[in-house]
Amino acid sequence: MAIEIRESDIKVEFYRASGPGGQHRNTTDSAVRIRHLPTGIVAQACESRSQTQNRETALKRLQQALERLERKIKKRIATNVPRRAKEKRLSEKRITSEKKRLRSGVE
């Protein structure tokens, strides 16, 4: 289910990436921030020294975010607790209450 991203729906910004990388990274605007205008989702990438690779990475991230937004969450169907589970829970409660009763000193 690939969602098509139109060029008119996105705003692309380029900026200087921060962090390690030395002179080359500090002098080029290789980091990319893509804003999807209809939804307001922002995706950015600054891993590579190449602006085009960062743009592709940011577009992939935007695509994934839009797919997550479109995904329908299935409603949970409640089921009954099995009889054996109820019995086990009650027997554990009985054992615990017996332990507590015996803890309370001798009369």
PDB file of N, CA and C in Angstrom:
ATOM      1  N   MET A   1       0.849  -1.180   0.000  1.00  0.00           N
ATOM      2  CA  MET A   1       0.000   0.000   0.000  1.00  0.00           C
ATOM      3  C   MET A   1       0.894   1.243   0.000  1.00  0.00           C
ATOM      4  N   ALA A   2       1.380   1.616  -1.161  1.00  0.00           N
ATOM      5  CA  ALA A   2       2.264   2.773  -1.276  1.00  0.00           C
ATOM      6  C   ALA A   2       1.440   4.041  -1.448  1.00  0.00           C
ATOM      7  N   ILE A   3       1.681   4.990  -0.579  1.00  0.00           N
ATOM      8  CA  ILE A   3       0.988   6.271  -0.649  1.00  0.00           C
ATOM      9  C   ILE A   3       1.794   7.191  -1.550  1.00  0.00           C
ATOM     10  N   GLU A   4       1.097   7.842  -2.471  1.00  0.00           N
ATOM     11  CA  GLU A   4       1.785   8.739  -3.394  1.00  0.00           C
ATOM     12  C   GLU A   4       1.939  10.108  -2.740  1.00  0.00           C
ATOM     13  N   ILE A   5       3.156  10.621  -2.752  1.00  0.00           N
ATOM     14  CA  ILE A   5       3.432  11.945  -2.192  1.00  0.00           C
ATOM     15  C   ILE A   5       3.646  12.906  -3.359  1.00  0.00           C
ATOM     16  N   ARG A   6       2.763  13.879  -3.476  1.00  0.00           N
ATOM     17  CA  ARG A   6       2.886  14.854  -4.567  1.00  0.00           C
ATOM     18  C   ARG A   6       3.905  15.913  -4.195  1.00  0.00           C
ATOM     19  N   GLU A   7       4.598  16.402  -5.198  1.00  0.00           N
ATOM     20  CA  GLU A   7       5.628  17.431  -4.992  1.00  0.00           C
ATOM     21  C   GLU A   7       5.007  18.719  -4.459  1.00  0.00           C
ATOM     22  N   SER A   8       3.737  18.976  -4.805  1.00  0.00           N
ATOM     23  CA  SER A   8       3.067  20.201  -4.354  1.00  0.00           C
ATOM     24  C   SER A   8       2.663  20.118  -2.882  1.00  0.00           C
ATOM     25  N   ASP A   9       2.620  18.884  -2.324  1.00  0.00           N
ATOM     26  CA  ASP A   9       2.209  18.700  -0.927  1.00  0.00           C
ATOM     27  C   ASP A   9       3.357  18.781   0.066  1.00  0.00           C
ATOM     28  N   ILE A  10       4.604  18.874  -0.430  1.00  0.00           N
ATOM     29  CA  ILE A  10       5.738  18.875   0.495  1.00  0.00           C
ATOM     30  C   ILE A  10       6.551  20.157   0.350  1.00  0.00           C
ATOM     31  N   LYS A  11       7.194  20.511   1.449  1.00  0.00           N
ATOM     32  CA  LYS A  11       8.118  21.644   1.466  1.00  0.00           C
ATOM     33  C   LYS A  11       9.469  21.083   1.901  1.00  0.00           C
ATOM     34  N   VAL A  12      10.496  21.278   1.073  1.00  0.00           N
ATOM     35  CA  VAL A  12      11.816  20.729   1.339  1.00  0.00           C
ATOM     36  C   VAL A  12      12.735  21.851   1.808  1.00  0.00           C
ATOM     37  N   GLU A  13      13.423  21.618   2.928  1.00  0.00           N
ATOM     38  CA  GLU A  13      14.380  22.590   3.458  1.00  0.00           C
ATOM     39  C   GLU A  13      15.741  21.917   3.576  1.00  0.00           C
ATOM     40  N   PHE A  14      16.778  22.675   3.290  1.00  0.00           N
ATOM     41  CA  PHE A  14      18.146  22.185   3.430  1.00  0.00           C
ATOM     42  C   PHE A  14      18.836  23.005   4.506  1.00  0.00           C
ATOM     43  N   TYR A  15      19.616  22.349   5.338  1.00  0.00           N
ATOM     44  CA  TYR A  15      20.324  23.056   6.403  1.00  0.00           C
ATOM     45  C   TYR A  15      21.628  22.340   6.701  1.00  0.00           C
ATOM     46  N   ARG A  16      22.466  22.986   7.480  1.00  0.00           N
ATOM     47  CA  ARG A  16      23.760  22.396   7.834  1.00  0.00           C
ATOM     48  C   ARG A  16      23.576  21.356   8.915  1.00  0.00           C
ATOM     49  N   ALA A  17      24.122  20.201   8.670  1.00  0.00           N
ATOM     50  CA  ALA A  17      24.065  19.128   9.661  1.00  0.00           C
ATOM     51  C   ALA A  17      25.085  19.415  10.745  1.00  0.00           C
ATOM     52  N   SER A  18      24.729  19.108  11.980  1.00  0.00           N
ATOM     53  CA  SER A  18      25.673  19.315  13.073  1.00  0.00           C
ATOM     54  C   SER A  18      26.273  17.975  13.456  1.00  0.00           C
ATOM     55  N   GLY A  19      27.272  18.017  14.307  1.00  0.00           N
ATOM     56  CA  GLY A  19      27.876  16.782  14.795  1.00  0.00           C
ATOM     57  C   GLY A  19      29.216  16.520  14.141  1.00  0.00           C
ATOM     58  N   PRO A  20      29.756  15.305  14.345  1.00  0.00           N
ATOM     59  CA  PRO A  20      31.079  14.992  13.822  1.00  0.00           C
ATOM     60  C   PRO A  20      31.074  14.921  12.299  1.00  0.00           C
ATOM     61  N   GLY A  21      32.210  15.151  11.696  1.00  0.00           N
ATOM     62  CA  GLY A  21      32.306  15.070  10.245  1.00  0.00           C
ATOM     63  C   GLY A  21      33.309  16.049   9.689  1.00  0.00           C
ATOM     64  N   GLY A  22      33.721  16.980  10.508  1.00  0.00           N
ATOM     65  CA  GLY A  22      34.796  17.869  10.109  1.00  0.00           C
ATOM     66  C   GLY A  22      34.395  18.958   9.132  1.00  0.00           C
ATOM     67  N   GLN A  23      35.380  19.404   8.385  1.00  0.00           N
ATOM     68  CA  GLN A  23      35.228  20.584   7.533  1.00  0.00           C
ATOM     69  C   GLN A  23      34.146  20.399   6.472  1.00  0.00           C
ATOM     70  N   HIS A  24      34.100  19.239   5.843  1.00  0.00           N
ATOM     71  CA  HIS A  24      33.135  19.050   4.763  1.00  0.00           C
ATOM     72  C   HIS A  24      31.702  19.197   5.279  1.00  0.00           C
ATOM     73  N   ARG A  25      31.424  18.589   6.419  1.00  0.00           N
ATOM     74  CA  ARG A  25      30.063  18.628   6.959  1.00  0.00           C
ATOM     75  C   ARG A  25      29.692  20.029   7.421  1.00  0.00           C
ATOM     76  N   ASN A  26      30.675  20.788   7.889  1.00  0.00           N
ATOM     77  CA  ASN A  26      30.392  22.122   8.411  1.00  0.00           C
ATOM     78  C   ASN A  26      30.209  23.168   7.312  1.00  0.00           C
ATOM     79  N   THR A  27      30.592  22.864   6.073  1.00  0.00           N
ATOM     80  CA  THR A  27      30.514  23.870   5.018  1.00  0.00           C
ATOM     81  C   THR A  27      29.402  23.620   4.018  1.00  0.00           C
ATOM     82  N   THR A  28      28.753  22.446   4.041  1.00  0.00           N
ATOM     83  CA  THR A  28      27.702  22.168   3.057  1.00  0.00           C
ATOM     84  C   THR A  28      26.358  22.019   3.746  1.00  0.00           C
ATOM     85  N   ASP A  29      25.307  22.435   3.050  1.00  0.00           N
ATOM     86  CA  ASP A  29      23.947  22.277   3.550  1.00  0.00           C
ATOM     87  C   ASP A  29      23.416  20.933   3.063  1.00  0.00           C
ATOM     88  N   SER A  30      23.868  19.859   3.692  1.00  0.00           N
ATOM     89  CA  SER A  30      23.522  18.523   3.203  1.00  0.00           C
ATOM     90  C   SER A  30      22.341  17.896   3.943  1.00  0.00           C
ATOM     91  N   ALA A  31      21.958  18.427   5.076  1.00  0.00           N
ATOM     92  CA  ALA A  31      20.834  17.861   5.821  1.00  0.00           C
ATOM     93  C   ALA A  31      19.522  18.299   5.177  1.00  0.00           C
ATOM     94  N   VAL A  32      18.523  17.409   5.228  1.00  0.00           N
ATOM     95  CA  VAL A  32      17.250  17.663   4.551  1.00  0.00           C
ATOM     96  C   VAL A  32      16.109  17.503   5.545  1.00  0.00           C
ATOM     97  N   ARG A  33      15.169  18.455   5.485  1.00  0.00           N
ATOM     98  CA  ARG A  33      13.949  18.374   6.290  1.00  0.00           C
ATOM     99  C   ARG A  33      12.778  18.500   5.321  1.00  0.00           C
ATOM    100  N   ILE A  34      11.890  17.491   5.340  1.00  0.00           N
ATOM    101  CA  ILE A  34      10.730  17.510   4.457  1.00  0.00           C
ATOM    102  C   ILE A  34       9.479  17.621   5.313  1.00  0.00           C
ATOM    103  N   ARG A  35       8.647  18.605   4.988  1.00  0.00           N
ATOM    104  CA  ARG A  35       7.408  18.848   5.724  1.00  0.00           C
ATOM    105  C   ARG A  35       6.232  18.515   4.803  1.00  0.00           C
ATOM    106  N   HIS A  36       5.347  17.623   5.257  1.00  0.00           N
ATOM    107  CA  HIS A  36       4.145  17.282   4.485  1.00  0.00           C
ATOM    108  C   HIS A  36       3.064  18.266   4.900  1.00  0.00           C
ATOM    109  N   LEU A  37       2.697  19.160   3.995  1.00  0.00           N
ATOM    110  CA  LEU A  37       1.804  20.269   4.339  1.00  0.00           C
ATOM    111  C   LEU A  37       0.392  19.844   4.750  1.00  0.00           C
ATOM    112  N   PRO A  38      -0.266  18.879   4.081  1.00  0.00           N
ATOM    113  CA  PRO A  38      -1.627  18.517   4.505  1.00  0.00           C
ATOM    114  C   PRO A  38      -1.704  17.932   5.913  1.00  0.00           C
ATOM    115  N   THR A  39      -0.700  17.143   6.328  1.00  0.00           N
ATOM    116  CA  THR A  39      -0.761  16.503   7.653  1.00  0.00           C
ATOM    117  C   THR A  39       0.122  17.188   8.688  1.00  0.00           C
ATOM    118  N   GLY A  40       1.134  17.934   8.251  1.00  0.00           N
ATOM    119  CA  GLY A  40       2.047  18.579   9.182  1.00  0.00           C
ATOM    120  C   GLY A  40       3.160  17.657   9.669  1.00  0.00           C
ATOM    121  N   ILE A  41       3.294  16.473   9.084  1.00  0.00           N
ATOM    122  CA  ILE A  41       4.345  15.530   9.484  1.00  0.00           C
ATOM    123  C   ILE A  41       5.684  16.015   8.941  1.00  0.00           C
ATOM    124  N   VAL A  42       6.723  15.918   9.777  1.00  0.00           N
ATOM    125  CA  VAL A  42       8.067  16.348   9.377  1.00  0.00           C
ATOM    126  C   VAL A  42       8.996  15.144   9.431  1.00  0.00           C
ATOM    127  N   ALA A  43       9.780  14.973   8.367  1.00  0.00           N
ATOM    128  CA  ALA A  43      10.793  13.916   8.329  1.00  0.00           C
ATOM    129  C   ALA A  43      12.119  14.565   7.980  1.00  0.00           C
ATOM    130  N   GLN A  44      13.184  14.132   8.633  1.00  0.00           N
ATOM    131  CA  GLN A  44      14.488  14.719   8.335  1.00  0.00           C
ATOM    132  C   GLN A  44      15.566  13.667   8.313  1.00  0.00           C
ATOM    133  N   ALA A  45      16.651  13.999   7.597  1.00  0.00           N
ATOM    134  CA  ALA A  45      17.780  13.080   7.488  1.00  0.00           C
ATOM    135  C   ALA A  45      19.053  13.900   7.359  1.00  0.00           C
ATOM    136  N   CYS A  46      20.089  13.472   8.085  1.00  0.00           N
ATOM    137  CA  CYS A  46      21.379  14.164   8.002  1.00  0.00           C
ATOM    138  C   CYS A  46      22.532  13.180   8.164  1.00  0.00           C
ATOM    139  N   GLU A  47      22.277  11.886   7.883  1.00  0.00           N
ATOM    140  CA  GLU A  47      23.305  10.878   8.097  1.00  0.00           C
ATOM    141  C   GLU A  47      24.416  10.941   7.063  1.00  0.00           C
ATOM    142  N   SER A  48      24.045  11.169   5.807  1.00  0.00           N
ATOM    143  CA  SER A  48      25.010  11.105   4.722  1.00  0.00           C
ATOM    144  C   SER A  48      25.614  12.486   4.450  1.00  0.00           C
ATOM    145  N   ARG A  49      26.760  12.500   3.754  1.00  0.00           N
ATOM    146  CA  ARG A  49      27.347  13.773   3.331  1.00  0.00           C
ATOM    147  C   ARG A  49      26.693  14.262   2.051  1.00  0.00           C
ATOM    148  N   SER A  50      25.901  13.379   1.413  1.00  0.00           N
ATOM    149  CA  SER A  50      25.254  13.721   0.151  1.00  0.00           C
ATOM    150  C   SER A  50      23.831  14.222   0.396  1.00  0.00           C
ATOM    151  N   GLN A  51      23.516  15.377  -0.184  1.00  0.00           N
ATOM    152  CA  GLN A  51      22.184  15.948  -0.022  1.00  0.00           C
ATOM    153  C   GLN A  51      21.124  15.067  -0.692  1.00  0.00           C
ATOM    154  N   THR A  52      21.442  14.486  -1.847  1.00  0.00           N
ATOM    155  CA  THR A  52      20.459  13.659  -2.555  1.00  0.00           C
ATOM    156  C   THR A  52      20.152  12.379  -1.781  1.00  0.00           C
ATOM    157  N   GLN A  53      21.168  11.769  -1.162  1.00  0.00           N
ATOM    158  CA  GLN A  53      20.919  10.572  -0.353  1.00  0.00           C
ATOM    159  C   GLN A  53      20.067  10.914   0.868  1.00  0.00           C
ATOM    160  N   ASN A  54      20.357  12.061   1.474  1.00  0.00           N
ATOM    161  CA  ASN A  54      19.563  12.487   2.629  1.00  0.00           C
ATOM    162  C   ASN A  54      18.122  12.770   2.224  1.00  0.00           C
ATOM    163  N   ARG A  55      17.934  13.335   1.035  1.00  0.00           N
ATOM    164  CA  ARG A  55      16.578  13.622   0.556  1.00  0.00           C
ATOM    165  C   ARG A  55      15.799  12.318   0.360  1.00  0.00           C
ATOM    166  N   GLU A  56      16.446  11.316  -0.239  1.00  0.00           N
ATOM    167  CA  GLU A  56      15.792  10.020  -0.437  1.00  0.00           C
ATOM    168  C   GLU A  56      15.434   9.377   0.898  1.00  0.00           C
ATOM    169  N   THR A  57      16.353   9.459   1.857  1.00  0.00           N
ATOM    170  CA  THR A  57      16.103   8.885   3.191  1.00  0.00           C
ATOM    171  C   THR A  57      14.930   9.589   3.867  1.00  0.00           C
ATOM    172  N   ALA A  58      14.898  10.911   3.777  1.00  0.00           N
ATOM    173  CA  ALA A  58      13.811  11.672   4.400  1.00  0.00           C
ATOM    174  C   ALA A  58      12.475  11.356   3.726  1.00  0.00           C
ATOM    175  N   LEU A  59      12.482  11.177   2.401  1.00  0.00           N
ATOM    176  CA  LEU A  59      11.239  10.818   1.698  1.00  0.00           C
ATOM    177  C   LEU A  59      10.744   9.444   2.134  1.00  0.00           C
ATOM    178  N   LYS A  60      11.666   8.493   2.328  1.00  0.00           N
ATOM    179  CA  LYS A  60      11.275   7.160   2.805  1.00  0.00           C
ATOM    180  C   LYS A  60      10.656   7.253   4.194  1.00  0.00           C
ATOM    181  N   ARG A  61      11.266   8.061   5.053  1.00  0.00           N
ATOM    182  CA  ARG A  61      10.740   8.219   6.418  1.00  0.00           C
ATOM    183  C   ARG A  61       9.359   8.863   6.407  1.00  0.00           C
ATOM    184  N   LEU A  62       9.179   9.840   5.529  1.00  0.00           N
ATOM    185  CA  LEU A  62       7.872  10.491   5.407  1.00  0.00           C
ATOM    186  C   LEU A  62       6.838   9.490   4.915  1.00  0.00           C
ATOM    187  N   GLN A  63       7.214   8.674   3.947  1.00  0.00           N
ATOM    188  CA  GLN A  63       6.335   7.632   3.404  1.00  0.00           C
ATOM    189  C   GLN A  63       5.904   6.683   4.524  1.00  0.00           C
ATOM    190  N   GLN A  64       6.855   6.240   5.347  1.00  0.00           N
ATOM    191  CA  GLN A  64       6.540   5.323   6.446  1.00  0.00           C
ATOM    192  C   GLN A  64       5.611   5.975   7.461  1.00  0.00           C
ATOM    193  N   ALA A  65       5.846   7.255   7.747  1.00  0.00           N
ATOM    194  CA  ALA A  65       5.006   7.958   8.718  1.00  0.00           C
ATOM    195  C   ALA A  65       3.577   8.082   8.194  1.00  0.00           C
ATOM    196  N   LEU A  66       3.430   8.364   6.895  1.00  0.00           N
ATOM    197  CA  LEU A  66       2.089   8.480   6.314  1.00  0.00           C
ATOM    198  C   LEU A  66       1.382   7.126   6.293  1.00  0.00           C
ATOM    199  N   GLU A  67       2.135   6.054   6.040  1.00  0.00           N
ATOM    200  CA  GLU A  67       1.534   4.717   6.069  1.00  0.00           C
ATOM    201  C   GLU A  67       1.079   4.352   7.476  1.00  0.00           C
ATOM    202  N   ARG A  68       1.871   4.720   8.491  1.00  0.00           N
ATOM    203  CA  ARG A  68       1.466   4.472   9.886  1.00  0.00           C
ATOM    204  C   ARG A  68       0.187   5.236  10.213  1.00  0.00           C
ATOM    205  N   LEU A  69       0.075   6.450   9.667  1.00  0.00           N
ATOM    206  CA  LEU A  69      -1.100   7.281   9.919  1.00  0.00           C
ATOM    207  C   LEU A  69      -2.346   6.671   9.283  1.00  0.00           C
ATOM    208  N   GLU A  70      -2.186   6.065   8.109  1.00  0.00           N
ATOM    209  CA  GLU A  70      -3.311   5.480   7.375  1.00  0.00           C
ATOM    210  C   GLU A  70      -3.754   4.138   7.942  1.00  0.00           C
ATOM    211  N   ARG A  71      -2.855   3.448   8.652  1.00  0.00           N
ATOM    212  CA  ARG A  71      -3.143   2.100   9.132  1.00  0.00           C
ATOM    213  C   ARG A  71      -4.322   2.107  10.100  1.00  0.00           C
ATOM    214  N   LYS A  72      -5.239   1.194   9.884  1.00  0.00           N
ATOM    215  CA  LYS A  72      -6.400   1.074  10.754  1.00  0.00           C
ATOM    216  C   LYS A  72      -6.052   0.115  11.902  1.00  0.00           C
ATOM    217  N   ILE A  73      -6.389   0.489  13.110  1.00  0.00           N
ATOM    218  CA  ILE A  73      -6.137  -0.362  14.270  1.00  0.00           C
ATOM    219  C   ILE A  73      -7.374  -1.214  14.499  1.00  0.00           C
ATOM    220  N   LYS A  74      -7.170  -2.526  14.542  1.00  0.00           N
ATOM    221  CA  LYS A  74      -8.298  -3.429  14.745  1.00  0.00           C
ATOM    222  C   LYS A  74      -8.796  -3.314  16.171  1.00  0.00           C
ATOM    223  N   LYS A  75     -10.107  -3.374  16.303  1.00  0.00           N
ATOM    224  CA  LYS A  75     -10.695  -3.309  17.625  1.00  0.00           C
ATOM    225  C   LYS A  75     -10.530  -4.656  18.316  1.00  0.00           C
ATOM    226  N   ARG A  76     -10.203  -4.623  19.587  1.00  0.00           N
ATOM    227  CA  ARG A  76      -9.991  -5.856  20.335  1.00  0.00           C
ATOM    228  C   ARG A  76     -11.338  -6.470  20.681  1.00  0.00           C
ATOM    229  N   ILE A  77     -11.445  -7.753  20.446  1.00  0.00           N
ATOM    230  CA  ILE A  77     -12.668  -8.474  20.781  1.00  0.00           C
ATOM    231  C   ILE A  77     -12.453  -9.151  22.127  1.00  0.00           C
ATOM    232  N   ALA A  78     -13.268  -8.775  23.100  1.00  0.00           N
ATOM    233  CA  ALA A  78     -13.140  -9.346  24.439  1.00  0.00           C
ATOM    234  C   ALA A  78     -13.596 -10.796  24.433  1.00  0.00           C
ATOM    235  N   THR A  79     -12.870 -11.636  25.141  1.00  0.00           N
ATOM    236  CA  THR A  79     -13.237 -13.052  25.261  1.00  0.00           C
ATOM    237  C   THR A  79     -13.431 -13.388  26.733  1.00  0.00           C
ATOM    238  N   ASN A  80     -14.097 -14.488  26.974  1.00  0.00           N
ATOM    239  CA  ASN A  80     -14.329 -14.913  28.358  1.00  0.00           C
ATOM    240  C   ASN A  80     -13.064 -15.531  28.933  1.00  0.00           C
ATOM    241  N   VAL A  81     -12.908 -15.408  30.256  1.00  0.00           N
ATOM    242  CA  VAL A  81     -11.778 -16.027  30.932  1.00  0.00           C
ATOM    243  C   VAL A  81     -12.064 -17.525  31.035  1.00  0.00           C
ATOM    244  N   PRO A  82     -11.115 -18.379  30.648  1.00  0.00           N
ATOM    245  CA  PRO A  82     -11.343 -19.834  30.738  1.00  0.00           C
ATOM    246  C   PRO A  82     -11.599 -20.282  32.177  1.00  0.00           C
ATOM    247  N   ARG A  83     -12.397 -21.338  32.315  1.00  0.00           N
ATOM    248  CA  ARG A  83     -12.779 -21.825  33.638  1.00  0.00           C
ATOM    249  C   ARG A  83     -11.555 -22.232  34.447  1.00  0.00           C
ATOM    250  N   ARG A  84     -10.594 -22.904  33.832  1.00  0.00           N
ATOM    251  CA  ARG A  84      -9.385 -23.347  34.529  1.00  0.00           C
ATOM    252  C   ARG A  84      -8.614 -22.154  35.080  1.00  0.00           C
ATOM    253  N   ALA A  85      -8.552 -21.050  34.319  1.00  0.00           N
ATOM    254  CA  ALA A  85      -7.828 -19.864  34.777  1.00  0.00           C
ATOM    255  C   ALA A  85      -8.506 -19.261  36.003  1.00  0.00           C
ATOM    256  N   LYS A  86      -9.851 -19.249  35.985  1.00  0.00           N
ATOM    257  CA  LYS A  86     -10.590 -18.732  37.150  1.00  0.00           C
ATOM    258  C   LYS A  86     -10.321 -19.588  38.383  1.00  0.00           C
ATOM    259  N   GLU A  87     -10.364 -20.914  38.186  1.00  0.00           N
ATOM    260  CA  GLU A  87     -10.125 -21.824  39.308  1.00  0.00           C
ATOM    261  C   GLU A  87      -8.724 -21.644  39.878  1.00  0.00           C
ATOM    262  N   LYS A  88      -7.748 -21.506  38.996  1.00  0.00           N
ATOM    263  CA  LYS A  88      -6.367 -21.335  39.440  1.00  0.00           C
ATOM    264  C   LYS A  88      -6.211 -20.042  40.235  1.00  0.00           C
ATOM    265  N   ARG A  89      -6.821 -18.952  39.745  1.00  0.00           N
ATOM    266  CA  ARG A  89      -6.743 -17.666  40.439  1.00  0.00           C
ATOM    267  C   ARG A  89      -7.363 -17.755  41.830  1.00  0.00           C
ATOM    268  N   LEU A  90      -8.525 -18.419  41.909  1.00  0.00           N
ATOM    269  CA  LEU A  90      -9.190 -18.547  43.202  1.00  0.00           C
ATOM    270  C   LEU A  90      -8.385 -19.412  44.166  1.00  0.00           C
ATOM    271  N   SER A  91      -7.778 -20.493  43.669  1.00  0.00           N
ATOM    272  CA  SER A  91      -6.995 -21.346  44.563  1.00  0.00           C
ATOM    273  C   SER A  91      -5.759 -20.590  45.066  1.00  0.00           C
ATOM    274  N   GLU A  92      -5.137 -19.774  44.210  1.00  0.00           N
ATOM    275  CA  GLU A  92      -3.995 -18.963  44.660  1.00  0.00           C
ATOM    276  C   GLU A  92      -4.423 -17.960  45.728  1.00  0.00           C
ATOM    277  N   LYS A  93      -5.625 -17.388  45.553  1.00  0.00           N
ATOM    278  CA  LYS A  93      -6.125 -16.453  46.562  1.00  0.00           C
ATOM    279  C   LYS A  93      -6.364 -17.152  47.897  1.00  0.00           C
ATOM    280  N   ARG A  94      -6.894 -18.378  47.823  1.00  0.00           N
ATOM    281  CA  ARG A  94      -7.119 -19.143  49.060  1.00  0.00           C
ATOM    282  C   ARG A  94      -5.808 -19.423  49.776  1.00  0.00           C
ATOM    283  N   ILE A  95      -4.789 -19.814  49.012  1.00  0.00           N
ATOM    284  CA  ILE A  95      -3.481 -20.115  49.598  1.00  0.00           C
ATOM    285  C   ILE A  95      -2.899 -18.856  50.242  1.00  0.00           C
ATOM    286  N   THR A  96      -2.991 -17.732  49.561  1.00  0.00           N
ATOM    287  CA  THR A  96      -2.463 -16.476  50.101  1.00  0.00           C
ATOM    288  C   THR A  96      -3.191 -16.074  51.379  1.00  0.00           C
ATOM    289  N   SER A  97      -4.516 -16.204  51.369  1.00  0.00           N
ATOM    290  CA  SER A  97      -5.273 -15.816  52.568  1.00  0.00           C
ATOM    291  C   SER A  97      -4.930 -16.731  53.745  1.00  0.00           C
ATOM    292  N   GLU A  98      -4.689 -18.019  53.462  1.00  0.00           N
ATOM    293  CA  GLU A  98      -4.307 -18.957  54.518  1.00  0.00           C
ATOM    294  C   GLU A  98      -2.959 -18.574  55.113  1.00  0.00           C
ATOM    295  N   LYS A  99      -1.986 -18.201  54.239  1.00  0.00           N
ATOM    296  CA  LYS A  99      -0.668 -17.757  54.711  1.00  0.00           C
ATOM    297  C   LYS A  99      -0.812 -16.545  55.622  1.00  0.00           C
ATOM    298  N   LYS A 100      -1.630 -15.590  55.216  1.00  0.00           N
ATOM    299  CA  LYS A 100      -1.813 -14.356  56.005  1.00  0.00           C
ATOM    300  C   LYS A 100      -2.477 -14.662  57.327  1.00  0.00           C
ATOM    301  N   ARG A 101      -3.464 -15.597  57.310  1.00  0.00           N
ATOM    302  CA  ARG A 101      -4.151 -15.958  58.548  1.00  0.00           C
ATOM    303  C   ARG A 101      -3.188 -16.587  59.530  1.00  0.00           C
ATOM    304  N   LEU A 102      -2.275 -17.440  59.026  1.00  0.00           N
ATOM    305  CA  LEU A 102      -1.314 -18.109  59.916  1.00  0.00           C
ATOM    306  C   LEU A 102      -0.248 -17.142  60.429  1.00  0.00           C
ATOM    307  N   ARG A 103       0.014 -16.066  59.695  1.00  0.00           N
ATOM    308  CA  ARG A 103       1.018 -15.080  60.111  1.00  0.00           C
ATOM    309  C   ARG A 103       0.591 -14.302  61.355  1.00  0.00           C
ATOM    310  N   SER A 104      -0.700 -14.188  61.575  1.00  0.00           N
ATOM    311  CA  SER A 104      -1.206 -13.291  62.606  1.00  0.00           C
ATOM    312  C   SER A 104      -1.158 -13.895  64.004  1.00  0.00           C
ATOM    313  N   GLY A 105      -0.056 -14.328  64.464  1.00  0.00           N
ATOM    314  CA  GLY A 105       0.158 -14.752  65.856  1.00  0.00           C
ATOM    315  C   GLY A 105      -0.841 -15.783  66.390  1.00  0.00           C
ATOM    316  N   VAL A 106      -0.503 -16.338  67.505  1.00  0.00           N
ATOM    317  CA  VAL A 106      -1.342 -17.360  68.130  1.00  0.00           C
ATOM    318  C   VAL A 106      -2.223 -16.713  69.169  1.00  0.00           C
ATOM    319  N   GLU A 107      -3.488 -17.119  69.200  1.00  0.00           N
ATOM    320  CA  GLU A 107      -4.420 -16.568  70.205  1.00  0.00           C
ATOM    321  C   GLU A 107      -4.496 -17.462  71.417  1.00  0.00           C
TER     322      GLU A 107
END
